[in-house]
Amino acid sequence: MARQETTDENPGRIKQIRLAYTMTKRVDPKIGLIIAGIGLGTFAVLLVIGFLIGHPIYLGILGLFAGVLGAVVVFGRRAEKAAFGQMDGQPGAAAAVLNNIRRGGWTVTPVVAATRQQDAVHRAVSRQGIVLVGEGNINRLRPLMAAEKRKMSRVVGDVPVTDIIVGEDEGQIPLKKLQLHLTRMPRTLPASQVTQINDRLRAMGDLMANAPIPKGPLPKGARMPKGGKGR
């Protein structure tokens, strides 16, 4: 059984790596040459050092592992950059990023408020407090987020709420830095209070419970479903 599970897992991982490479290559055509250059270059440098100091085998093996590690790290960073580049500016991109922080103790509720122009507000709750993340037109987001704050205040009282608007303008947080920004926020709430807040907000309900709005990025040109409670 263990062998069967391992066999089943490996094709999945290989497929994920292949898909990540294909996606990255569309945005970064030189990715293959770059990671090959880093891997081979690292190996060659350490091998030469090995010959100079009289330990070519030892340094050659070390260079092989170091080269593979370096290539993997660079590929991971460039693949992440390419992924953010493709998502940036698309409706639902912030929700996709927020979904990645669930394992860090965050409870994420995508699209608690939205407009028919695809402006959306997402909610994230953790020991860092309640965070409303808006993506879209800032002039439409401000009243939308203010209304959501007033609605939440009925059930969470004076618990502080932080507003974040995703974008490249002054005072906004770029999509690629959103996850890091949230995880670096100071913890202000005990775990027991976080549980209570989530229970109250869950009882209050949200837009996602009543409207068929996608949780991830929408294709460019797509429109918000007419059944949604847009403002």
Protein backbone atom coordinates (compact mmCIF):
# COMPACT_ATOMS: atom_id res chain seq x y z
CA MET A 1 0.00 0.00 0.00
CA ALA A 2 2.81 2.40 0.91
CA ARG A 3 4.50 1.77 -2.44
CA GLN A 4 1.23 2.37 -4.27
CA GLU A 5 0.66 5.69 -2.44
CA THR A 6 4.21 6.84 -3.25
CA THR A 7 3.74 5.90 -6.91
CA ASP A 8 0.46 7.83 -7.04
CA GLU A 9 1.96 10.92 -5.40
CA ASN A 10 5.04 11.21 -7.63
CA PRO A 11 3.19 11.69 -10.95
CA GLY A 12 1.10 14.39 -9.29
CA ARG A 13 4.16 16.27 -8.08
CA ILE A 14 5.92 15.91 -11.42
CA LYS A 15 2.82 17.20 -13.18
CA GLN A 16 2.66 20.21 -10.84
CA ILE A 17 6.32 21.02 -11.53
CA ARG A 18 5.76 20.67 -15.27
CA LEU A 19 2.71 22.94 -15.17
CA ALA A 20 4.58 25.51 -13.06
CA TYR A 21 7.48 25.48 -15.50
CA THR A 22 5.18 25.83 -18.53
CA MET A 23 3.33 28.74 -16.93
CA THR A 24 6.56 30.46 -15.91
CA LYS A 25 8.13 30.00 -19.34
CA ARG A 26 5.23 31.84 -20.98
CA VAL A 27 6.01 34.89 -18.84
CA ASP A 28 9.77 34.34 -18.48
CA PRO A 29 11.03 32.66 -21.70
CA LYS A 30 14.63 32.45 -20.46
CA ILE A 31 13.78 30.56 -17.26
CA GLY A 32 15.29 27.30 -18.59
CA LEU A 33 18.62 28.90 -19.43
CA ILE A 34 18.69 30.78 -16.13
CA ILE A 35 18.14 27.80 -13.85
CA ALA A 36 20.49 25.63 -15.95
CA GLY A 37 23.16 28.33 -15.77
CA ILE A 38 22.83 28.65 -12.01
CA GLY A 39 22.92 24.90 -11.46
CA LEU A 40 25.86 24.20 -13.77
CA GLY A 41 27.69 27.36 -12.76
CA THR A 42 27.53 26.52 -9.05
CA PHE A 43 28.69 22.96 -9.73
CA ALA A 44 31.57 24.13 -11.92
CA VAL A 45 32.82 26.71 -9.41
CA LEU A 46 32.90 24.25 -6.52
CA LEU A 47 34.48 21.56 -8.70
CA VAL A 48 37.29 23.93 -9.71
CA ILE A 49 37.83 24.83 -6.06
CA GLY A 50 37.94 21.11 -5.31
CA PHE A 51 40.74 20.56 -7.82
CA LEU A 52 42.66 23.54 -6.44
CA ILE A 53 42.56 22.27 -2.86
CA GLY A 54 42.95 18.60 -3.77
CA HIS A 55 39.39 17.39 -3.01
CA PRO A 56 37.60 17.33 -6.39
CA ILE A 57 35.25 14.46 -5.52
CA TYR A 58 34.10 15.97 -2.23
CA LEU A 59 33.62 19.46 -3.68
CA GLY A 60 32.09 18.00 -6.85
CA ILE A 61 29.36 16.23 -4.85
CA LEU A 62 28.82 19.35 -2.76
CA GLY A 63 28.65 21.42 -5.93
CA LEU A 64 26.05 19.09 -7.43
CA PHE A 65 23.73 19.42 -4.43
CA ALA A 66 24.37 23.17 -4.16
CA GLY A 67 23.67 23.63 -7.86
CA VAL A 68 20.38 21.75 -7.69
CA LEU A 69 19.34 23.67 -4.58
CA GLY A 70 20.23 27.01 -6.15
CA ALA A 71 18.31 26.17 -9.32
CA VAL A 72 15.25 25.11 -7.32
CA VAL A 73 15.27 28.28 -5.19
CA VAL A 74 15.61 30.58 -8.20
CA PHE A 75 12.92 28.68 -10.12
CA GLY A 76 10.55 28.91 -7.16
CA ARG A 77 10.99 32.67 -6.86
CA ARG A 78 10.62 33.33 -10.57
CA ALA A 79 7.61 31.02 -10.79
CA GLU A 80 5.97 32.88 -7.91
CA LYS A 81 6.71 36.22 -9.57
CA ALA A 82 5.24 34.96 -12.84
CA ALA A 83 2.10 33.70 -11.08
CA PHE A 84 1.55 37.05 -9.35
CA GLY A 85 2.18 38.84 -12.64
CA GLN A 86 -0.58 36.86 -14.33
CA MET A 87 -3.04 37.34 -11.45
CA ASP A 88 -2.33 41.00 -10.80
CA GLY A 89 -5.22 43.20 -11.86
CA GLN A 90 -7.68 40.34 -12.29
CA PRO A 91 -10.84 40.23 -10.14
CA GLY A 92 -10.44 37.67 -7.36
CA ALA A 93 -6.63 37.76 -7.33
CA ALA A 94 -6.49 38.96 -3.72
CA ALA A 95 -8.87 36.18 -2.68
CA ALA A 96 -6.55 33.62 -4.28
CA VAL A 97 -3.60 35.00 -2.29
CA LEU A 98 -5.61 35.06 0.94
CA ASN A 99 -6.51 31.41 0.53
CA ASN A 100 -2.79 30.61 0.86
CA ILE A 101 -2.62 31.92 4.44
CA ARG A 102 -5.35 29.68 5.86
CA ARG A 103 -2.74 27.34 7.34
CA GLY A 104 -1.21 30.22 9.25
CA GLY A 105 -4.14 30.45 11.62
CA TRP A 106 -6.23 32.77 9.45
CA THR A 107 -9.93 32.32 8.71
CA VAL A 108 -10.58 33.74 5.26
CA THR A 109 -14.00 34.62 3.85
CA PRO A 110 -13.77 35.72 0.22
CA VAL A 111 -16.15 38.36 -1.16
CA VAL A 112 -18.13 39.51 1.87
CA ALA A 113 -19.16 42.55 -0.20
CA ALA A 114 -18.96 43.39 -3.88
CA THR A 115 -20.17 45.66 -6.66
CA ARG A 116 -21.30 44.78 -10.16
CA GLN A 117 -18.08 46.38 -11.43
CA GLN A 118 -16.15 43.48 -9.79
CA ASP A 119 -14.84 45.52 -6.84
CA ALA A 120 -14.68 43.10 -3.93
CA VAL A 121 -13.99 43.07 -0.20
CA HIS A 122 -12.61 39.96 1.48
CA ARG A 123 -12.39 39.27 5.22
CA ALA A 124 -9.54 37.61 7.09
CA VAL A 125 -9.52 36.94 10.84
CA SER A 126 -6.64 35.80 13.04
CA ARG A 127 -4.79 36.83 16.19
CA GLN A 128 -3.70 39.87 14.16
CA GLY A 129 -7.35 40.97 14.29
CA ILE A 130 -9.98 41.47 11.61
CA VAL A 131 -8.68 42.57 8.23
CA LEU A 132 -10.79 43.73 5.31
CA VAL A 133 -8.95 43.40 2.00
CA GLY A 134 -10.36 45.35 -0.94
CA GLU A 135 -9.50 45.01 -4.60
CA GLY A 136 -10.86 47.21 -7.36
CA ASN A 137 -11.66 50.90 -7.72
CA ILE A 138 -10.65 52.73 -4.54
CA ASN A 139 -13.52 55.24 -4.78
CA ARG A 140 -16.07 52.42 -4.83
CA LEU A 141 -14.18 50.34 -2.25
CA ARG A 142 -14.11 52.97 0.49
CA PRO A 143 -17.90 53.18 1.03
CA LEU A 144 -18.15 49.41 0.53
CA MET A 145 -15.59 48.74 3.27
CA ALA A 146 -17.13 51.35 5.56
CA ALA A 147 -20.53 49.68 5.21
CA GLU A 148 -19.00 46.28 5.98
CA LYS A 149 -17.35 47.71 9.09
CA ARG A 150 -20.68 49.07 10.33
CA LYS A 151 -22.33 45.72 9.73
CA MET A 152 -19.59 43.83 11.60
CA SER A 153 -19.60 46.27 14.53
CA ARG A 154 -23.03 44.95 15.52
CA VAL A 155 -21.56 41.52 16.33
CA VAL A 156 -17.86 42.15 17.14
CA GLY A 157 -18.19 45.39 19.09
CA ASP A 158 -15.04 47.47 19.36
CA VAL A 159 -12.65 44.84 17.98
CA PRO A 160 -10.21 46.78 15.75
CA VAL A 161 -10.59 46.31 11.99
CA THR A 162 -7.74 46.98 9.58
CA ASP A 163 -8.44 48.13 6.01
CA ILE A 164 -6.12 47.05 3.20
CA ILE A 165 -6.56 47.96 -0.44
CA VAL A 166 -4.56 45.96 -2.95
CA GLY A 167 -2.82 48.01 -5.62
CA GLU A 168 0.32 49.83 -6.66
CA ASP A 169 -0.66 53.37 -5.61
CA GLU A 170 0.52 55.15 -2.47
CA GLY A 171 -0.99 53.68 0.68
CA GLN A 172 -1.91 50.45 -1.07
CA ILE A 173 -0.34 46.99 -0.76
CA PRO A 174 0.93 45.30 -3.95
CA LEU A 175 -0.60 41.88 -4.57
CA LYS A 176 2.80 40.15 -4.37
CA LYS A 177 3.40 41.62 -0.89
CA LEU A 178 -0.08 41.01 0.53
CA GLN A 179 0.62 37.67 2.20
CA LEU A 180 3.87 38.86 3.79
CA HIS A 181 2.20 42.08 4.99
CA LEU A 182 -0.57 40.15 6.74
CA THR A 183 1.71 37.62 8.41
CA ARG A 184 3.94 40.40 9.76
CA MET A 185 1.09 42.27 11.41
CA PRO A 186 1.39 42.27 15.23
CA ARG A 187 -0.82 39.86 17.16
CA THR A 188 -3.35 41.76 19.25
CA LEU A 189 -6.00 39.15 20.12
CA PRO A 190 -5.94 35.99 22.26
CA ALA A 191 -6.84 32.75 20.48
CA SER A 192 -10.06 32.38 22.49
CA GLN A 193 -11.31 35.76 21.30
CA VAL A 194 -10.49 34.90 17.69
CA THR A 195 -12.73 31.83 17.97
CA GLN A 196 -15.57 33.93 19.38
CA ILE A 197 -15.21 36.52 16.63
CA ASN A 198 -15.30 33.87 13.92
CA ASP A 199 -18.41 32.29 15.43
CA ARG A 200 -20.19 35.65 15.53
CA LEU A 201 -19.20 36.59 11.99
CA ARG A 202 -20.22 33.17 10.74
CA ALA A 203 -23.64 33.61 12.33
CA MET A 204 -23.94 37.04 10.70
CA GLY A 205 -23.51 35.45 7.29
CA ASP A 206 -21.80 36.88 4.22
CA LEU A 207 -22.33 37.56 0.58
CA MET A 208 -20.76 34.28 -0.47
CA ALA A 209 -23.55 32.35 1.25
CA ASN A 210 -26.15 33.97 -1.01
CA ALA A 211 -24.46 34.66 -4.34
CA PRO A 212 -22.66 32.50 -6.92
CA ILE A 213 -19.45 34.56 -6.98
CA PRO A 214 -16.19 32.76 -7.86
CA LYS A 215 -13.56 32.57 -5.08
CA GLY A 216 -10.57 32.86 -7.40
CA PRO A 217 -9.48 35.22 -10.17
CA LEU A 218 -12.06 35.81 -12.90
CA PRO A 219 -11.10 35.92 -16.58
CA LYS A 220 -10.50 39.43 -17.86
CA GLY A 221 -13.69 40.86 -19.31
CA ALA A 222 -15.97 38.68 -17.17
CA ARG A 223 -18.74 40.38 -15.23
CA MET A 224 -20.12 39.88 -11.74
CA PRO A 225 -23.12 37.46 -11.70
CA LYS A 226 -26.41 39.34 -11.75
CA GLY A 227 -27.68 37.33 -8.82
CA GLY A 228 -25.13 38.88 -6.46
CA LYS A 229 -25.98 41.53 -3.89
CA GLY A 230 -23.86 44.19 -5.55
CA ARG A 231 -23.90 47.69 -4.21
